[in-house]
PDB file of N, CA and C in Angstrom:
ATOM      1  N   UNK A   1     119.562  96.491 104.647  1.00  0.00           N
ATOM      2  CA  UNK A   1     120.330  96.757 105.852  1.00  0.00           C
ATOM      3  C   UNK A   1     120.245  98.226 106.232  1.00  0.00           C
ATOM      4  N   UNK A   2     120.280  99.091 105.210  1.00  0.00           N
ATOM      5  CA  UNK A   2     120.214 100.533 105.440  1.00  0.00           C
ATOM      6  C   UNK A   2     118.881 100.910 106.099  1.00  0.00           C
ATOM      7  N   UNK A   3     117.784 100.278 105.632  1.00  0.00           N
ATOM      8  CA  UNK A   3     116.471 100.572 106.199  1.00  0.00           C
ATOM      9  C   UNK A   3     116.379 100.093 107.649  1.00  0.00           C
ATOM     10  N   UNK A   4     116.986  98.953 107.956  1.00  0.00           N
ATOM     11  CA  UNK A   4     116.954  98.428 109.318  1.00  0.00           C
ATOM     12  C   UNK A   4     117.693  99.370 110.258  1.00  0.00           C
ATOM     13  N   UNK A   5     118.851  99.829 109.858  1.00  0.00           N
ATOM     14  CA  UNK A   5     119.632 100.751 110.690  1.00  0.00           C
ATOM     15  C   UNK A   5     118.875 102.061 110.858  1.00  0.00           C
ATOM     16  N   UNK A   6     118.281 102.557 109.774  1.00  0.00           N
ATOM     17  CA  UNK A   6     117.501 103.799 109.857  1.00  0.00           C
ATOM     18  C   UNK A   6     116.326 103.634 110.800  1.00  0.00           C
ATOM     19  N   UNK A   7     115.654 102.486 110.727  1.00  0.00           N
ATOM     20  CA  UNK A   7     114.506 102.226 111.592  1.00  0.00           C
ATOM     21  C   UNK A   7     114.937 102.176 113.057  1.00  0.00           C
ATOM     22  N   UNK A   8     116.056 101.523 113.336  1.00  0.00           N
ATOM     23  CA  UNK A   8     116.551 101.456 114.707  1.00  0.00           C
ATOM     24  C   UNK A   8     116.924 102.841 115.233  1.00  0.00           C
ATOM     25  N   UNK A   9     117.580 103.644 114.411  1.00  0.00           N
ATOM     26  CA  UNK A   9     117.927 105.005 114.818  1.00  0.00           C
ATOM     27  C   UNK A   9     116.684 105.830 115.099  1.00  0.00           C
ATOM     28  N   UNK A  10     115.676 105.675 114.278  1.00  0.00           N
ATOM     29  CA  UNK A  10     114.425 106.409 114.488  1.00  0.00           C
ATOM     30  C   UNK A  10     113.747 105.983 115.788  1.00  0.00           C
ATOM     31  N   UNK A  11     113.776 104.685 116.089  1.00  0.00           N
ATOM     32  CA  UNK A  11     113.164 104.200 117.328  1.00  0.00           C
ATOM     33  C   UNK A  11     113.856 104.795 118.543  1.00  0.00           C
ATOM     34  N   UNK A  12     115.176 104.854 118.520  1.00  0.00           N
ATOM     35  CA  UNK A  12     115.932 105.454 119.623  1.00  0.00           C
ATOM     36  C   UNK A  12     115.615 106.941 119.724  1.00  0.00           C
ATOM     37  N   UNK A  13     115.562 107.613 118.590  1.00  0.00           N
ATOM     38  CA  UNK A  13     115.245 109.035 118.565  1.00  0.00           C
ATOM     39  C   UNK A  13     113.871 109.306 119.140  1.00  0.00           C
ATOM     40  N   UNK A  14     112.881 108.505 118.739  1.00  0.00           N
ATOM     41  CA  UNK A  14     111.524 108.701 119.242  1.00  0.00           C
ATOM     42  C   UNK A  14     111.434 108.471 120.744  1.00  0.00           C
ATOM     43  N   UNK A  15     112.084 107.420 121.232  1.00  0.00           N
ATOM     44  CA  UNK A  15     111.992 107.146 122.663  1.00  0.00           C
ATOM     45  C   UNK A  15     112.682 108.243 123.469  1.00  0.00           C
ATOM     46  N   UNK A  16     113.795 108.767 122.982  1.00  0.00           N
ATOM     47  CA  UNK A  16     114.468 109.858 123.690  1.00  0.00           C
ATOM     48  C   UNK A  16     113.639 111.128 123.645  1.00  0.00           C
ATOM     49  N   UNK A  17     113.026 111.402 122.497  1.00  0.00           N
ATOM     50  CA  UNK A  17     112.194 112.592 122.353  1.00  0.00           C
ATOM     51  C   UNK A  17     110.958 112.496 123.236  1.00  0.00           C
ATOM     52  N   UNK A  18     110.333 111.333 123.256  1.00  0.00           N
ATOM     53  CA  UNK A  18     109.140 111.141 124.081  1.00  0.00           C
ATOM     54  C   UNK A  18     109.479 111.318 125.552  1.00  0.00           C
ATOM     55  N   UNK A  19     110.597 110.751 126.005  1.00  0.00           N
ATOM     56  CA  UNK A  19     110.994 110.884 127.394  1.00  0.00           C
ATOM     57  C   UNK A  19     111.235 112.341 127.748  1.00  0.00           C
ATOM     58  N   UNK A  20     111.962 113.049 126.903  1.00  0.00           N
ATOM     59  CA  UNK A  20     112.245 114.464 127.164  1.00  0.00           C
ATOM     60  C   UNK A  20     110.969 115.286 127.102  1.00  0.00           C
ATOM     61  N   UNK A  21     110.078 114.966 126.170  1.00  0.00           N
ATOM     62  CA  UNK A  21     108.831 115.708 126.039  1.00  0.00           C
ATOM     63  C   UNK A  21     107.939 115.539 127.249  1.00  0.00           C
ATOM     64  N   UNK A  22     107.883 114.332 127.816  1.00  0.00           N
ATOM     65  CA  UNK A  22     107.057 114.098 128.999  1.00  0.00           C
ATOM     66  C   UNK A  22     107.594 114.839 130.214  1.00  0.00           C
ATOM     67  N   UNK A  23     108.895 114.957 130.339  1.00  0.00           N
ATOM     68  CA  UNK A  23     109.486 115.661 131.481  1.00  0.00           C
ATOM     69  C   UNK A  23     109.179 117.144 131.427  1.00  0.00           C
ATOM     70  N   UNK A  24     109.122 117.704 130.212  1.00  0.00           N
ATOM     71  CA  UNK A  24     108.892 119.142 130.066  1.00  0.00           C
ATOM     72  C   UNK A  24     107.429 119.495 129.854  1.00  0.00           C
ATOM     73  N   UNK A  25     106.557 118.502 129.828  1.00  0.00           N
ATOM     74  CA  UNK A  25     105.155 118.749 129.526  1.00  0.00           C
ATOM     75  C   UNK A  25     104.517 119.692 130.544  1.00  0.00           C
ATOM     76  N   UNK A  26     104.788 119.467 131.825  1.00  0.00           N
ATOM     77  CA  UNK A  26     104.203 120.317 132.855  1.00  0.00           C
ATOM     78  C   UNK A  26     104.713 121.750 132.738  1.00  0.00           C
ATOM     79  N   UNK A  27     106.005 121.921 132.482  1.00  0.00           N
ATOM     80  CA  UNK A  27     106.576 123.258 132.365  1.00  0.00           C
ATOM     81  C   UNK A  27     106.028 124.009 131.158  1.00  0.00           C
ATOM     82  N   UNK A  28     105.758 123.282 130.078  1.00  0.00           N
ATOM     83  CA  UNK A  28     105.306 123.930 128.856  1.00  0.00           C
ATOM     84  C   UNK A  28     103.817 124.211 128.838  1.00  0.00           C
ATOM     85  N   UNK A  29     103.035 123.556 129.712  1.00  0.00           N
ATOM     86  CA  UNK A  29     101.590 123.716 129.648  1.00  0.00           C
ATOM     87  C   UNK A  29     101.167 125.152 129.919  1.00  0.00           C
ATOM     88  N   UNK A  30     101.862 125.867 130.789  1.00  0.00           N
ATOM     89  CA  UNK A  30     101.519 127.262 131.058  1.00  0.00           C
ATOM     90  C   UNK A  30     101.769 128.126 129.837  1.00  0.00           C
ATOM     91  N   UNK A  31     102.903 127.930 129.153  1.00  0.00           N
ATOM     92  CA  UNK A  31     103.201 128.745 127.979  1.00  0.00           C
ATOM     93  C   UNK A  31     102.283 128.384 126.819  1.00  0.00           C
ATOM     94  N   UNK A  32     101.866 127.112 126.694  1.00  0.00           N
ATOM     95  CA  UNK A  32     100.935 126.738 125.642  1.00  0.00           C
ATOM     96  C   UNK A  32      99.588 127.414 125.857  1.00  0.00           C
ATOM     97  N   UNK A  33      99.161 127.518 127.104  1.00  0.00           N
ATOM     98  CA  UNK A  33      97.902 128.193 127.389  1.00  0.00           C
ATOM     99  C   UNK A  33      97.964 129.657 126.977  1.00  0.00           C
ATOM    100  N   UNK A  34      99.103 130.299 127.177  1.00  0.00           N
ATOM    101  CA  UNK A  34      99.262 131.682 126.770  1.00  0.00           C
ATOM    102  C   UNK A  34      99.102 131.826 125.261  1.00  0.00           C
ATOM    103  N   UNK A  35      99.699 130.895 124.508  1.00  0.00           N
ATOM    104  CA  UNK A  35      99.622 130.958 123.057  1.00  0.00           C
ATOM    105  C   UNK A  35      98.173 130.844 122.611  1.00  0.00           C
ATOM    106  N   UNK A  36      97.404 129.954 123.220  1.00  0.00           N
ATOM    107  CA  UNK A  36      96.011 129.786 122.846  1.00  0.00           C
ATOM    108  C   UNK A  36      95.198 131.038 123.162  1.00  0.00           C
ATOM    109  N   UNK A  37      95.518 131.715 124.238  1.00  0.00           N
ATOM    110  CA  UNK A  37      94.773 132.890 124.645  1.00  0.00           C
ATOM    111  C   UNK A  37      95.051 134.076 123.721  1.00  0.00           C
ATOM    112  N   UNK A  38      96.191 134.108 123.061  1.00  0.00           N
ATOM    113  CA  UNK A  38      96.547 135.209 122.180  1.00  0.00           C
ATOM    114  C   UNK A  38      95.682 135.181 120.924  1.00  0.00           C
ATOM    115  N   UNK A  39      95.050 134.087 120.616  1.00  0.00           N
ATOM    116  CA  UNK A  39      94.205 134.003 119.445  1.00  0.00           C
ATOM    117  C   UNK A  39      94.713 133.043 118.396  1.00  0.00           C
ATOM    118  N   UNK A  40      95.691 132.236 118.725  1.00  0.00           N
ATOM    119  CA  UNK A  40      96.195 131.225 117.799  1.00  0.00           C
ATOM    120  C   UNK A  40      95.135 130.153 117.652  1.00  0.00           C
ATOM    121  N   UNK A  41      94.557 130.081 116.494  1.00  0.00           N
ATOM    122  CA  UNK A  41      93.429 129.175 116.365  1.00  0.00           C
ATOM    123  C   UNK A  41      93.449 128.321 115.106  1.00  0.00           C
ATOM    124  N   UNK A  42      94.592 128.144 114.499  1.00  0.00           N
ATOM    125  CA  UNK A  42      94.665 127.276 113.320  1.00  0.00           C
ATOM    126  C   UNK A  42      95.584 126.103 113.597  1.00  0.00           C
ATOM    127  N   UNK A  43      95.275 124.996 112.951  1.00  0.00           N
ATOM    128  CA  UNK A  43      96.092 123.791 113.060  1.00  0.00           C
ATOM    129  C   UNK A  43      96.749 123.522 111.722  1.00  0.00           C
ATOM    130  N   UNK A  44      97.982 123.044 111.780  1.00  0.00           N
ATOM    131  CA  UNK A  44      98.722 122.664 110.579  1.00  0.00           C
ATOM    132  C   UNK A  44      99.088 121.196 110.727  1.00  0.00           C
ATOM    133  N   UNK A  45      98.614 120.385 109.823  1.00  0.00           N
ATOM    134  CA  UNK A  45      98.926 118.962 109.855  1.00  0.00           C
ATOM    135  C   UNK A  45      99.444 118.553 108.486  1.00  0.00           C
ATOM    136  N   UNK A  46      99.973 117.350 108.426  1.00  0.00           N
ATOM    137  CA  UNK A  46     100.462 116.886 107.144  1.00  0.00           C
ATOM    138  C   UNK A  46     101.152 115.546 107.221  1.00  0.00           C
ATOM    139  N   UNK A  47     101.673 115.143 106.083  1.00  0.00           N
ATOM    140  CA  UNK A  47     102.369 113.874 105.947  1.00  0.00           C
ATOM    141  C   UNK A  47     103.657 114.109 105.184  1.00  0.00           C
ATOM    142  N   UNK A  48     104.728 113.473 105.663  1.00  0.00           N
ATOM    143  CA  UNK A  48     106.026 113.527 104.984  1.00  0.00           C
ATOM    144  C   UNK A  48     106.179 112.215 104.227  1.00  0.00           C
ATOM    145  N   UNK A  49     106.448 112.311 102.907  1.00  0.00           N
ATOM    146  CA  UNK A  49     106.556 111.098 102.099  1.00  0.00           C
ATOM    147  C   UNK A  49     107.795 111.133 101.208  1.00  0.00           C
ATOM    148  N   UNK A  50     108.231 109.955 100.809  1.00  0.00           N
ATOM    149  CA  UNK A  50     109.310 109.797  99.845  1.00  0.00           C
ATOM    150  C   UNK A  50     108.722 110.051  98.460  1.00  0.00           C
ATOM    151  N   UNK A  51     109.307 110.987  97.723  1.00  0.00           N
ATOM    152  CA  UNK A  51     108.756 111.382  96.428  1.00  0.00           C
ATOM    153  C   UNK A  51     108.773 110.235  95.412  1.00  0.00           C
ATOM    154  N   UNK A  52     109.808 109.408  95.447  1.00  0.00           N
ATOM    155  CA  UNK A  52     109.962 108.368  94.429  1.00  0.00           C
ATOM    156  C   UNK A  52     109.004 107.197  94.639  1.00  0.00           C
ATOM    157  N   UNK A  53     108.930 106.679  95.876  1.00  0.00           N
ATOM    158  CA  UNK A  53     108.124 105.477  96.107  1.00  0.00           C
ATOM    159  C   UNK A  53     106.839 105.742  96.884  1.00  0.00           C
ATOM    160  N   UNK A  54     106.581 107.009  97.232  1.00  0.00           N
ATOM    161  CA  UNK A  54     105.343 107.422  97.895  1.00  0.00           C
ATOM    162  C   UNK A  54     105.157 106.805  99.283  1.00  0.00           C
ATOM    163  N   UNK A  55     106.242 106.330  99.918  1.00  0.00           N
ATOM    164  CA  UNK A  55     106.169 105.774 101.268  1.00  0.00           C
ATOM    165  C   UNK A  55     106.254 106.909 102.283  1.00  0.00           C
ATOM    166  N   UNK A  56     105.559 106.750 103.396  1.00  0.00           N
ATOM    167  CA  UNK A  56     105.630 107.765 104.452  1.00  0.00           C
ATOM    168  C   UNK A  56     106.968 107.665 105.175  1.00  0.00           C
ATOM    169  N   UNK A  57     107.420 108.792 105.715  1.00  0.00           N
ATOM    170  CA  UNK A  57     108.731 108.854 106.365  1.00  0.00           C
ATOM    171  C   UNK A  57     108.569 109.181 107.853  1.00  0.00           C
ATOM    172  N   UNK A  58     108.841 108.206 108.677  1.00  0.00           N
ATOM    173  CA  UNK A  58     108.775 108.384 110.126  1.00  0.00           C
ATOM    174  C   UNK A  58     110.024 109.092 110.625  1.00  0.00           C
ATOM    175  N   UNK A  59     109.848 109.992 111.573  1.00  0.00           N
ATOM    176  CA  UNK A  59     110.985 110.637 112.214  1.00  0.00           C
ATOM    177  C   UNK A  59     111.585 111.799 111.457  1.00  0.00           C
ATOM    178  N   UNK A  60     110.891 112.307 110.460  1.00  0.00           N
ATOM    179  CA  UNK A  60     111.378 113.498 109.762  1.00  0.00           C
ATOM    180  C   UNK A  60     111.304 114.678 110.737  1.00  0.00           C
ATOM    181  N   UNK A  61     112.282 115.555 110.671  1.00  0.00           N
ATOM    182  CA  UNK A  61     112.316 116.729 111.534  1.00  0.00           C
ATOM    183  C   UNK A  61     111.657 117.892 110.819  1.00  0.00           C
ATOM    184  N   UNK A  62     110.660 118.481 111.482  1.00  0.00           N
ATOM    185  CA  UNK A  62     109.936 119.610 110.918  1.00  0.00           C
ATOM    186  C   UNK A  62     110.231 120.836 111.763  1.00  0.00           C
ATOM    187  N   UNK A  63     110.844 121.841 111.164  1.00  0.00           N
ATOM    188  CA  UNK A  63     111.116 123.102 111.845  1.00  0.00           C
ATOM    189  C   UNK A  63     110.078 124.111 111.380  1.00  0.00           C
ATOM    190  N   UNK A  64     109.373 124.719 112.319  1.00  0.00           N
ATOM    191  CA  UNK A  64     108.437 125.774 111.978  1.00  0.00           C
ATOM    192  C   UNK A  64     108.583 126.889 112.994  1.00  0.00           C
ATOM    193  N   UNK A  65     108.849 128.064 112.493  1.00  0.00           N
ATOM    194  CA  UNK A  65     109.055 129.239 113.342  1.00  0.00           C
ATOM    195  C   UNK A  65     110.096 128.993 114.424  1.00  0.00           C
ATOM    196  N   UNK A  66     111.161 128.274 114.067  1.00  0.00           N
ATOM    197  CA  UNK A  66     112.258 128.035 114.989  1.00  0.00           C
ATOM    198  C   UNK A  66     112.027 126.921 115.991  1.00  0.00           C
ATOM    199  N   UNK A  67     110.893 126.246 115.929  1.00  0.00           N
ATOM    200  CA  UNK A  67     110.603 125.131 116.844  1.00  0.00           C
ATOM    201  C   UNK A  67     110.687 123.816 116.087  1.00  0.00           C
ATOM    202  N   UNK A  68     111.175 122.777 116.788  1.00  0.00           N
ATOM    203  CA  UNK A  68     111.406 121.475 116.177  1.00  0.00           C
ATOM    204  C   UNK A  68     110.284 120.508 116.530  1.00  0.00           C
ATOM    205  N   UNK A  69     109.795 119.807 115.513  1.00  0.00           N
ATOM    206  CA  UNK A  69     108.776 118.779 115.681  1.00  0.00           C
ATOM    207  C   UNK A  69     109.199 117.566 114.853  1.00  0.00           C
ATOM    208  N   UNK A  70     108.557 116.419 115.080  1.00  0.00           N
ATOM    209  CA  UNK A  70     108.898 115.199 114.344  1.00  0.00           C
ATOM    210  C   UNK A  70     107.643 114.562 113.766  1.00  0.00           C
ATOM    211  N   UNK A  71     107.799 113.918 112.613  1.00  0.00           N
ATOM    212  CA  UNK A  71     106.689 113.129 112.081  1.00  0.00           C
ATOM    213  C   UNK A  71     106.609 111.828 112.869  1.00  0.00           C
ATOM    214  N   UNK A  72     105.389 111.302 113.017  1.00  0.00           N
ATOM    215  CA  UNK A  72     105.192 110.081 113.787  1.00  0.00           C
ATOM    216  C   UNK A  72     105.563 108.851 112.952  1.00  0.00           C
ATOM    217  N   UNK A  73     105.250 107.668 113.471  1.00  0.00           N
ATOM    218  CA  UNK A  73     105.623 106.434 112.782  1.00  0.00           C
ATOM    219  C   UNK A  73     104.929 106.259 111.432  1.00  0.00           C
ATOM    220  N   UNK A  74     103.855 107.001 111.209  1.00  0.00           N
ATOM    221  CA  UNK A  74     103.156 106.951 109.927  1.00  0.00           C
ATOM    222  C   UNK A  74     103.502 108.138 109.031  1.00  0.00           C
ATOM    223  N   UNK A  75     104.510 108.923 109.435  1.00  0.00           N
ATOM    224  CA  UNK A  75     104.935 110.074 108.644  1.00  0.00           C
ATOM    225  C   UNK A  75     104.077 111.316 108.840  1.00  0.00           C
ATOM    226  N   UNK A  76     103.142 111.276 109.790  1.00  0.00           N
ATOM    227  CA  UNK A  76     102.225 112.387 110.010  1.00  0.00           C
ATOM    228  C   UNK A  76     102.735 113.345 111.088  1.00  0.00           C
ATOM    229  N   UNK A  77     102.295 114.587 110.996  1.00  0.00           N
ATOM    230  CA  UNK A  77     102.550 115.559 112.054  1.00  0.00           C
ATOM    231  C   UNK A  77     101.310 116.420 112.224  1.00  0.00           C
ATOM    232  N   UNK A  78     101.146 116.981 113.420  1.00  0.00           N
ATOM    233  CA  UNK A  78     100.006 117.841 113.712  1.00  0.00           C
ATOM    234  C   UNK A  78     100.475 118.942 114.653  1.00  0.00           C
ATOM    235  N   UNK A  79     100.456 120.169 114.173  1.00  0.00           N
ATOM    236  CA  UNK A  79     100.874 121.321 114.961  1.00  0.00           C
ATOM    237  C   UNK A  79      99.626 122.147 115.264  1.00  0.00           C
ATOM    238  N   UNK A  80      99.304 122.261 116.536  1.00  0.00           N
ATOM    239  CA  UNK A  80      98.070 122.928 116.913  1.00  0.00           C
ATOM    240  C   UNK A  80      98.341 124.329 117.446  1.00  0.00           C
ATOM    241  N   UNK A  81      97.320 125.155 117.338  1.00  0.00           N
ATOM    242  CA  UNK A  81      97.308 126.501 117.912  1.00  0.00           C
ATOM    243  C   UNK A  81      98.394 127.404 117.328  1.00  0.00           C
ATOM    244  N   UNK A  82      98.522 127.407 116.019  1.00  0.00           N
ATOM    245  CA  UNK A  82      99.448 128.320 115.355  1.00  0.00           C
ATOM    246  C   UNK A  82      98.758 129.650 115.094  1.00  0.00           C
ATOM    247  N   UNK A  83      99.534 130.708 115.093  1.00  0.00           N
ATOM    248  CA  UNK A  83      98.993 132.005 114.691  1.00  0.00           C
ATOM    249  C   UNK A  83      98.696 131.975 113.207  1.00  0.00           C
ATOM    250  N   UNK A  84      97.646 132.659 112.806  1.00  0.00           N
ATOM    251  CA  UNK A  84      97.386 132.781 111.377  1.00  0.00           C
ATOM    252  C   UNK A  84      98.481 133.639 110.756  1.00  0.00           C
ATOM    253  N   UNK A  85      98.733 133.434 109.473  1.00  0.00           N
ATOM    254  CA  UNK A  85      99.748 134.210 108.781  1.00  0.00           C
ATOM    255  C   UNK A  85     100.823 133.338 108.183  1.00  0.00           C
ATOM    256  N   UNK A  86     101.943 133.979 107.826  1.00  0.00           N
ATOM    257  CA  UNK A  86     103.037 133.292 107.149  1.00  0.00           C
ATOM    258  C   UNK A  86     103.935 132.563 108.143  1.00  0.00           C
ATOM    259  N   UNK A  87     104.360 131.365 107.731  1.00  0.00           N
ATOM    260  CA  UNK A  87     105.253 130.535 108.538  1.00  0.00           C
ATOM    261  C   UNK A  87     106.307 129.917 107.626  1.00  0.00           C
ATOM    262  N   UNK A  88     107.552 129.884 108.096  1.00  0.00           N
ATOM    263  CA  UNK A  88     108.625 129.218 107.367  1.00  0.00           C
ATOM    264  C   UNK A  88     108.730 127.797 107.886  1.00  0.00           C
ATOM    265  N   UNK A  89     108.737 126.851 106.950  1.00  0.00           N
ATOM    266  CA  UNK A  89     108.813 125.434 107.292  1.00  0.00           C
ATOM    267  C   UNK A  89     110.025 124.829 106.611  1.00  0.00           C
ATOM    268  N   UNK A  90     110.770 124.046 107.371  1.00  0.00           N
ATOM    269  CA  UNK A  90     111.893 123.300 106.840  1.00  0.00           C
ATOM    270  C   UNK A  90     111.750 121.855 107.301  1.00  0.00           C
ATOM    271  N   UNK A  91     111.914 120.904 106.393  1.00  0.00           N
ATOM    272  CA  UNK A  91     111.798 119.484 106.727  1.00  0.00           C
ATOM    273  C   UNK A  91     113.122 118.811 106.397  1.00  0.00           C
ATOM    274  N   UNK A  92     113.643 118.046 107.366  1.00  0.00           N
ATOM    275  CA  UNK A  92     114.920 117.354 107.194  1.00  0.00           C
ATOM    276  C   UNK A  92     114.771 115.888 107.567  1.00  0.00           C
ATOM    277  N   UNK A  93     115.534 115.062 106.874  1.00  0.00           N
ATOM    278  CA  UNK A  93     115.551 113.626 107.155  1.00  0.00           C
ATOM    279  C   UNK A  93     116.888 113.086 106.672  1.00  0.00           C
ATOM    280  N   UNK A  94     117.474 112.199 107.451  1.00  0.00           N
ATOM    281  CA  UNK A  94     118.750 111.601 107.081  1.00  0.00           C
ATOM    282  C   UNK A  94     118.606 110.916 105.723  1.00  0.00           C
ATOM    283  N   UNK A  95     119.556 111.144 104.860  1.00  0.00           N
ATOM    284  CA  UNK A  95     119.680 110.610 103.495  1.00  0.00           C
ATOM    285  C   UNK A  95     118.660 111.204 102.515  1.00  0.00           C
ATOM    286  N   UNK A  96     118.030 112.325 102.890  1.00  0.00           N
ATOM    287  CA  UNK A  96     117.107 113.031 101.995  1.00  0.00           C
ATOM    288  C   UNK A  96     117.537 114.487 101.871  1.00  0.00           C
ATOM    289  N   UNK A  97     117.219 115.091 100.723  1.00  0.00           N
ATOM    290  CA  UNK A  97     117.443 116.524 100.557  1.00  0.00           C
ATOM    291  C   UNK A  97     116.447 117.289 101.419  1.00  0.00           C
ATOM    292  N   UNK A  98     116.893 118.395 102.012  1.00  0.00           N
ATOM    293  CA  UNK A  98     116.014 119.220 102.833  1.00  0.00           C
ATOM    294  C   UNK A  98     114.961 119.889 101.960  1.00  0.00           C
ATOM    295  N   UNK A  99     113.813 120.140 102.550  1.00  0.00           N
ATOM    296  CA  UNK A  99     112.738 120.849 101.867  1.00  0.00           C
ATOM    297  C   UNK A  99     112.405 122.099 102.675  1.00  0.00           C
ATOM    298  N   UNK A 100     112.338 123.240 102.011  1.00  0.00           N
ATOM    299  CA  UNK A 100     112.023 124.494 102.685  1.00  0.00           C
ATOM    300  C   UNK A 100     110.908 125.196 101.931  1.00  0.00           C
ATOM    301  N   UNK A 101     110.007 125.810 102.684  1.00  0.00           N
ATOM    302  CA  UNK A 101     108.899 126.529 102.070  1.00  0.00           C
ATOM    303  C   UNK A 101     108.356 127.562 103.040  1.00  0.00           C
ATOM    304  N   UNK A 102     107.600 128.483 102.500  1.00  0.00           N
ATOM    305  CA  UNK A 102     106.887 129.449 103.322  1.00  0.00           C
ATOM    306  C   UNK A 102     105.419 129.326 102.959  1.00  0.00           C
ATOM    307  N   UNK A 103     104.566 129.195 103.978  1.00  0.00           N
ATOM    308  CA  UNK A 103     103.142 129.076 103.717  1.00  0.00           C
ATOM    309  C   UNK A 103     102.388 130.158 104.471  1.00  0.00           C
ATOM    310  N   UNK A 104     101.238 130.520 103.948  1.00  0.00           N
ATOM    311  CA  UNK A 104     100.360 131.494 104.586  1.00  0.00           C
ATOM    312  C   UNK A 104      99.140 130.725 105.079  1.00  0.00           C
ATOM    313  N   UNK A 105      99.049 130.544 106.399  1.00  0.00           N
ATOM    314  CA  UNK A 105      97.987 129.743 106.994  1.00  0.00           C
ATOM    315  C   UNK A 105      96.904 130.671 107.539  1.00  0.00           C
ATOM    316  N   UNK A 106      95.713 130.584 106.964  1.00  0.00           N
ATOM    317  CA  UNK A 106      94.578 131.385 107.419  1.00  0.00           C
ATOM    318  C   UNK A 106      93.486 130.523 108.038  1.00  0.00           C
ATOM    319  N   UNK A 107      93.554 129.214 107.776  1.00  0.00           N
ATOM    320  CA  UNK A 107      92.603 128.259 108.343  1.00  0.00           C
ATOM    321  C   UNK A 107      93.332 126.935 108.529  1.00  0.00           C
ATOM    322  N   UNK A 108      92.674 125.958 109.157  1.00  0.00           N
ATOM    323  CA  UNK A 108      93.294 124.649 109.336  1.00  0.00           C
ATOM    324  C   UNK A 108      93.770 124.131 107.981  1.00  0.00           C
ATOM    325  N   UNK A 109      95.014 123.646 107.954  1.00  0.00           N
ATOM    326  CA  UNK A 109      95.646 123.263 106.695  1.00  0.00           C
ATOM    327  C   UNK A 109      96.289 121.896 106.821  1.00  0.00           C
ATOM    328  N   UNK A 110      96.223 121.107 105.746  1.00  0.00           N
ATOM    329  CA  UNK A 110      96.850 119.804 105.693  1.00  0.00           C
ATOM    330  C   UNK A 110      97.820 119.801 104.516  1.00  0.00           C
ATOM    331  N   UNK A 111      99.095 119.485 104.781  1.00  0.00           N
ATOM    332  CA  UNK A 111     100.141 119.491 103.754  1.00  0.00           C
ATOM    333  C   UNK A 111     100.596 118.071 103.428  1.00  0.00           C
ATOM    334  N   UNK A 112     101.059 117.897 102.218  1.00  0.00           N
ATOM    335  CA  UNK A 112     101.747 116.675 101.803  1.00  0.00           C
ATOM    336  C   UNK A 112     103.123 117.130 101.340  1.00  0.00           C
ATOM    337  N   UNK A 113     104.142 116.796 102.127  1.00  0.00           N
ATOM    338  CA  UNK A 113     105.503 117.258 101.826  1.00  0.00           C
ATOM    339  C   UNK A 113     106.313 116.065 101.317  1.00  0.00           C
ATOM    340  N   UNK A 114     106.848 116.211 100.108  1.00  0.00           N
ATOM    341  CA  UNK A 114     107.629 115.154  99.492  1.00  0.00           C
ATOM    342  C   UNK A 114     109.115 115.457  99.618  1.00  0.00           C
ATOM    343  N   UNK A 115     109.871 114.453 100.056  1.00  0.00           N
ATOM    344  CA  UNK A 115     111.322 114.583 100.145  1.00  0.00           C
ATOM    345  C   UNK A 115     111.959 113.687  99.089  1.00  0.00           C
ATOM    346  N   UNK A 116     113.094 114.149  98.565  1.00  0.00           N
ATOM    347  CA  UNK A 116     113.822 113.406  97.539  1.00  0.00           C
ATOM    348  C   UNK A 116     115.061 112.786  98.177  1.00  0.00           C
ATOM    349  N   UNK A 117     115.214 111.478  98.011  1.00  0.00           N
ATOM    350  CA  UNK A 117     116.358 110.790  98.581  1.00  0.00           C
ATOM    351  C   UNK A 117     117.632 111.173  97.828  1.00  0.00           C
ATOM    352  N   UNK A 118     118.716 111.388  98.578  1.00  0.00           N
ATOM    353  CA  UNK A 118     119.998 111.786  97.986  1.00  0.00           C
ATOM    354  C   UNK A 118     120.614 110.654  97.184  1.00  0.00           C
TER     355      UNK A 118
END
């Protein structure tokens, strides 16, 4: 029952996020172009998984450099056009302990982030 409720909450969250993201897409395209022109040329991707059962976690919140992103339905995320250098990452998910780390990204990087259920 807990998984069903969590899945329903995630579906509502994704649909609201997608709707809001599409409305702001045009406004953000100019600022995204600026970021690319500054020389941001690395991508950070990864998967959020449950440490105990190795299942992927959809809808995990990923904070990087003060910006919020979400893992997709397969637990994956892809952040493009990041500046090279150090970045603080925090991952949160309902009923899981938060995970925080600092990484130094010099080239395209793929992470596997494990969360522990409370």
